Amino acid sequence: MFLTSLLLLAVLPYIHSISLTSSPAQLKAPGDSVKLSCQVSGYALTSQGTGWILQQPGKTLEWIGIIWGGGSINSGASFKSRFTISRDSSNVLYLDITSLQAEDTAVYYCARGHGDTNQQQTCTITHQPINGWSYTHPPGVGDLNLYMK
């Protein structure tokens, strides 16, 4: 127990030096395209893999894909046609989604894995049908709300 506490204390400064910040809220309609962004600080996107995960309302997490430090990209089979992961030289990770559909309603996570440590920032996409029902993920710093109408 004591050794575990020491290890946690040794790791905490490194965890806090990493930041993932998402893009601001937008209003989108079905058929539109969107580019989600995740500004990364504390490590270089070229040094290790960083990717995107989503969670649809009432469902489990689903892996979209990852871009590795060397630039190669792996994507889940169901995301290859309309979802594109990229990055730029300013250490920003992107997720482009074309032809938005109601089933794209989800909380989108920009995530970095490193050993036992994961850093993630949420982006929320909310679907609002004509009848006025809407699902809203609890708000957090940097949440991205895309209202599909």
C-alpha atoms as a PDB file:
ATOM      1  CA  MET A   1       0.000   0.000   0.000  1.00  0.00           C
ATOM      2  CA  PHE A   2       2.783   2.434   0.946  1.00  0.00           C
ATOM      3  CA  LEU A   3       4.714   1.597  -2.230  1.00  0.00           C
ATOM      4  CA  THR A   4       1.571   2.160  -4.331  1.00  0.00           C
ATOM      5  CA  SER A   5       1.100   5.589  -2.737  1.00  0.00           C
ATOM      6  CA  LEU A   6       4.686   6.529  -3.529  1.00  0.00           C
ATOM      7  CA  LEU A   7       4.258   5.436  -7.138  1.00  0.00           C
ATOM      8  CA  LEU A   8       1.070   7.478  -7.482  1.00  0.00           C
ATOM      9  CA  LEU A   9       2.770  10.555  -6.042  1.00  0.00           C
ATOM     10  CA  ALA A  10       5.657  10.095  -8.454  1.00  0.00           C
ATOM     11  CA  VAL A  11       3.305   9.867 -11.457  1.00  0.00           C
ATOM     12  CA  LEU A  12       0.892  12.708 -10.586  1.00  0.00           C
ATOM     13  CA  PRO A  13       3.106  15.601 -11.773  1.00  0.00           C
ATOM     14  CA  TYR A  14       3.323  13.992 -15.211  1.00  0.00           C
ATOM     15  CA  ILE A  15      -0.427  13.462 -15.423  1.00  0.00           C
ATOM     16  CA  HIS A  16      -1.164  17.096 -14.625  1.00  0.00           C
ATOM     17  CA  SER A  17       1.288  18.362 -17.252  1.00  0.00           C
ATOM     18  CA  ILE A  18      -0.815  16.866 -20.057  1.00  0.00           C
ATOM     19  CA  SER A  19      -3.808  18.749 -21.434  1.00  0.00           C
ATOM     20  CA  LEU A  20      -6.369  17.851 -24.119  1.00  0.00           C
ATOM     21  CA  THR A  21      -8.703  20.708 -25.046  1.00  0.00           C
ATOM     22  CA  SER A  22     -11.611  20.344 -27.472  1.00  0.00           C
ATOM     23  CA  SER A  23     -13.142  22.780 -29.950  1.00  0.00           C
ATOM     24  CA  PRO A  24     -16.067  25.150 -29.120  1.00  0.00           C
ATOM     25  CA  ALA A  25     -19.800  24.387 -29.485  1.00  0.00           C
ATOM     26  CA  GLN A  26     -21.402  24.364 -32.940  1.00  0.00           C
ATOM     27  CA  LEU A  27     -24.872  23.917 -34.430  1.00  0.00           C
ATOM     28  CA  LYS A  28     -25.163  21.185 -37.071  1.00  0.00           C
ATOM     29  CA  ALA A  29     -27.923  19.556 -39.112  1.00  0.00           C
ATOM     30  CA  PRO A  30     -28.113  16.047 -40.621  1.00  0.00           C
ATOM     31  CA  GLY A  31     -26.079  15.898 -43.803  1.00  0.00           C
ATOM     32  CA  ASP A  32     -23.608  18.516 -42.585  1.00  0.00           C
ATOM     33  CA  SER A  33     -19.938  17.848 -41.952  1.00  0.00           C
ATOM     34  CA  VAL A  34     -18.014  18.662 -38.799  1.00  0.00           C
ATOM     35  CA  LYS A  35     -14.370  18.814 -37.786  1.00  0.00           C
ATOM     36  CA  LEU A  36     -13.739  18.099 -34.097  1.00  0.00           C
ATOM     37  CA  SER A  37     -10.388  19.240 -32.768  1.00  0.00           C
ATOM     38  CA  CYS A  38      -8.319  18.383 -29.742  1.00  0.00           C
ATOM     39  CA  GLN A  39      -5.393  20.650 -28.823  1.00  0.00           C
ATOM     40  CA  VAL A  40      -2.746  18.556 -27.093  1.00  0.00           C
ATOM     41  CA  SER A  41      -0.071  19.911 -24.767  1.00  0.00           C
ATOM     42  CA  GLY A  42       2.415  18.089 -22.582  1.00  0.00           C
ATOM     43  CA  TYR A  43       3.484  15.587 -25.224  1.00  0.00           C
ATOM     44  CA  ALA A  44       3.948  15.530 -29.000  1.00  0.00           C
ATOM     45  CA  LEU A  45       1.378  13.784 -31.178  1.00  0.00           C
ATOM     46  CA  THR A  46       4.349  12.488 -33.173  1.00  0.00           C
ATOM     47  CA  SER A  47       5.699  10.691 -30.089  1.00  0.00           C
ATOM     48  CA  GLN A  48       2.791   8.320 -29.421  1.00  0.00           C
ATOM     49  CA  GLY A  49      -0.688   7.276 -30.435  1.00  0.00           C
ATOM     50  CA  THR A  50      -3.712   9.470 -29.774  1.00  0.00           C
ATOM     51  CA  GLY A  51      -7.202   8.718 -30.966  1.00  0.00           C
ATOM     52  CA  TRP A  52     -10.954   9.105 -30.735  1.00  0.00           C
ATOM     53  CA  ILE A  53     -13.595   7.095 -28.876  1.00  0.00           C
ATOM     54  CA  LEU A  54     -17.351   7.664 -28.802  1.00  0.00           C
ATOM     55  CA  GLN A  55     -20.213   6.723 -26.515  1.00  0.00           C
ATOM     56  CA  GLN A  56     -23.755   6.859 -27.846  1.00  0.00           C
ATOM     57  CA  PRO A  57     -26.581   7.533 -25.347  1.00  0.00           C
ATOM     58  CA  GLY A  58     -27.213   4.409 -23.280  1.00  0.00           C
ATOM     59  CA  LYS A  59     -24.443   2.411 -24.980  1.00  0.00           C
ATOM     60  CA  THR A  60     -20.887   1.384 -24.190  1.00  0.00           C
ATOM     61  CA  LEU A  61     -17.711   3.084 -25.397  1.00  0.00           C
ATOM     62  CA  GLU A  62     -16.796   2.428 -29.019  1.00  0.00           C
ATOM     63  CA  TRP A  63     -13.349   2.856 -30.528  1.00  0.00           C
ATOM     64  CA  ILE A  64     -13.251   5.069 -33.634  1.00  0.00           C
ATOM     65  CA  GLY A  65      -9.543   4.962 -34.370  1.00  0.00           C
ATOM     66  CA  ILE A  66      -6.041   6.118 -33.556  1.00  0.00           C
ATOM     67  CA  ILE A  67      -3.204   7.934 -35.288  1.00  0.00           C
ATOM     68  CA  TRP A  68       0.170   6.615 -34.191  1.00  0.00           C
ATOM     69  CA  GLY A  69       3.270   8.707 -33.559  1.00  0.00           C
ATOM     70  CA  GLY A  70       4.706   7.689 -36.922  1.00  0.00           C
ATOM     71  CA  GLY A  71       1.535   8.810 -38.720  1.00  0.00           C
ATOM     72  CA  SER A  72      -0.128   5.491 -39.519  1.00  0.00           C
ATOM     73  CA  ILE A  73      -3.856   5.312 -38.753  1.00  0.00           C
ATOM     74  CA  ASN A  74      -6.008   2.415 -37.573  1.00  0.00           C
ATOM     75  CA  SER A  75      -9.800   2.805 -37.642  1.00  0.00           C
ATOM     76  CA  GLY A  76     -12.741   0.651 -36.644  1.00  0.00           C
ATOM     77  CA  ALA A  77     -14.465  -0.931 -39.657  1.00  0.00           C
ATOM     78  CA  SER A  78     -17.739   0.957 -39.153  1.00  0.00           C
ATOM     79  CA  PHE A  79     -15.940   4.328 -39.144  1.00  0.00           C
ATOM     80  CA  LYS A  80     -13.796   4.067 -42.276  1.00  0.00           C
ATOM     81  CA  SER A  81     -16.242   5.685 -44.711  1.00  0.00           C
ATOM     82  CA  ARG A  82     -17.314   8.966 -43.017  1.00  0.00           C
ATOM     83  CA  PHE A  83     -14.786   9.448 -40.182  1.00  0.00           C
ATOM     84  CA  THR A  84     -11.236  10.686 -40.806  1.00  0.00           C
ATOM     85  CA  ILE A  85      -8.536  11.161 -38.160  1.00  0.00           C
ATOM     86  CA  SER A  86      -5.678  13.573 -38.805  1.00  0.00           C
ATOM     87  CA  ARG A  87      -3.269  15.902 -37.017  1.00  0.00           C
ATOM     88  CA  ASP A  88      -1.268  19.007 -37.788  1.00  0.00           C
ATOM     89  CA  SER A  89       2.150  20.417 -36.927  1.00  0.00           C
ATOM     90  CA  SER A  90       0.602  22.552 -34.144  1.00  0.00           C
ATOM     91  CA  ASN A  91      -0.096  19.394 -32.088  1.00  0.00           C
ATOM     92  CA  VAL A  92      -3.829  19.398 -32.826  1.00  0.00           C
ATOM     93  CA  LEU A  93      -5.725  16.146 -33.386  1.00  0.00           C
ATOM     94  CA  TYR A  94      -8.783  16.211 -35.670  1.00  0.00           C
ATOM     95  CA  LEU A  95     -11.808  14.057 -36.349  1.00  0.00           C
ATOM     96  CA  ASP A  96     -13.676  14.881 -39.562  1.00  0.00           C
ATOM     97  CA  ILE A  97     -17.194  13.466 -39.848  1.00  0.00           C
ATOM     98  CA  THR A  98     -19.048  13.848 -43.149  1.00  0.00           C
ATOM     99  CA  SER A  99     -22.775  13.456 -43.859  1.00  0.00           C
ATOM    100  CA  LEU A 100     -23.825  13.675 -40.198  1.00  0.00           C
ATOM    101  CA  GLN A 101     -26.591  11.261 -39.222  1.00  0.00           C
ATOM    102  CA  ALA A 102     -28.782  10.899 -36.133  1.00  0.00           C
ATOM    103  CA  GLU A 103     -26.758   7.855 -35.083  1.00  0.00           C
ATOM    104  CA  ASP A 104     -23.663  10.068 -34.825  1.00  0.00           C
ATOM    105  CA  THR A 105     -25.216  11.393 -31.613  1.00  0.00           C
ATOM    106  CA  ALA A 106     -22.592  10.580 -28.984  1.00  0.00           C
ATOM    107  CA  VAL A 107     -20.019  11.820 -26.537  1.00  0.00           C
ATOM    108  CA  TYR A 108     -16.726  11.923 -28.425  1.00  0.00           C
ATOM    109  CA  TYR A 109     -13.515  11.398 -26.470  1.00  0.00           C
ATOM    110  CA  CYS A 110     -10.079  12.503 -27.560  1.00  0.00           C
ATOM    111  CA  ALA A 111      -7.825  10.040 -25.739  1.00  0.00           C
ATOM    112  CA  ARG A 112      -4.163   9.309 -25.178  1.00  0.00           C
ATOM    113  CA  GLY A 113      -2.929   6.097 -23.632  1.00  0.00           C
ATOM    114  CA  HIS A 114       0.410   5.801 -21.837  1.00  0.00           C
ATOM    115  CA  GLY A 115       1.070   2.815 -19.607  1.00  0.00           C
ATOM    116  CA  ASP A 116      -1.559   2.849 -16.871  1.00  0.00           C
ATOM    117  CA  THR A 117      -2.415   6.508 -17.505  1.00  0.00           C
ATOM    118  CA  ASN A 118      -5.171   7.760 -19.812  1.00  0.00           C
ATOM    119  CA  GLN A 119      -5.951  11.403 -20.484  1.00  0.00           C
ATOM    120  CA  GLN A 120      -9.222  12.249 -22.179  1.00  0.00           C
ATOM    121  CA  GLN A 121     -11.319  15.267 -23.080  1.00  0.00           C
ATOM    122  CA  THR A 122     -14.975  14.959 -23.935  1.00  0.00           C
ATOM    123  CA  CYS A 123     -16.794  16.411 -26.904  1.00  0.00           C
ATOM    124  CA  THR A 124     -20.574  16.076 -26.841  1.00  0.00           C
ATOM    125  CA  ILE A 125     -22.800  15.735 -29.888  1.00  0.00           C
ATOM    126  CA  THR A 126     -26.476  16.085 -29.013  1.00  0.00           C
ATOM    127  CA  HIS A 127     -29.340  15.081 -31.299  1.00  0.00           C
ATOM    128  CA  GLN A 128     -32.536  17.117 -31.024  1.00  0.00           C
ATOM    129  CA  PRO A 129     -35.449  15.597 -32.987  1.00  0.00           C
ATOM    130  CA  ILE A 130     -38.399  17.725 -34.075  1.00  0.00           C
ATOM    131  CA  ASN A 131     -40.476  16.559 -31.072  1.00  0.00           C
ATOM    132  CA  GLY A 132     -38.077  18.458 -28.811  1.00  0.00           C
ATOM    133  CA  TRP A 133     -36.490  15.496 -27.014  1.00  0.00           C
ATOM    134  CA  SER A 134     -32.791  15.900 -26.433  1.00  0.00           C
ATOM    135  CA  TYR A 135     -30.023  14.008 -24.705  1.00  0.00           C
ATOM    136  CA  THR A 136     -27.371  16.094 -23.009  1.00  0.00           C
ATOM    137  CA  HIS A 137     -24.195  14.720 -21.503  1.00  0.00           C
ATOM    138  CA  PRO A 138     -23.288  16.444 -18.212  1.00  0.00           C
ATOM    139  CA  PRO A 139     -21.338  19.594 -19.115  1.00  0.00           C
ATOM    140  CA  GLY A 140     -17.611  19.799 -18.614  1.00  0.00           C
ATOM    141  CA  VAL A 141     -14.745  22.050 -19.540  1.00  0.00           C
ATOM    142  CA  GLY A 142     -14.316  22.080 -23.296  1.00  0.00           C
ATOM    143  CA  ASP A 143     -17.475  20.129 -24.137  1.00  0.00           C
ATOM    144  CA  LEU A 144     -18.534  20.431 -27.762  1.00  0.00           C
ATOM    145  CA  ASN A 145     -22.298  20.444 -28.322  1.00  0.00           C
ATOM    146  CA  LEU A 146     -23.524  19.818 -31.857  1.00  0.00           C
ATOM    147  CA  TYR A 147     -27.298  20.071 -32.104  1.00  0.00           C
ATOM    148  CA  MET A 148     -28.538  18.100 -35.081  1.00  0.00           C
ATOM    149  CA  LYS A 149     -31.944  19.287 -36.304  1.00  0.00           C
END
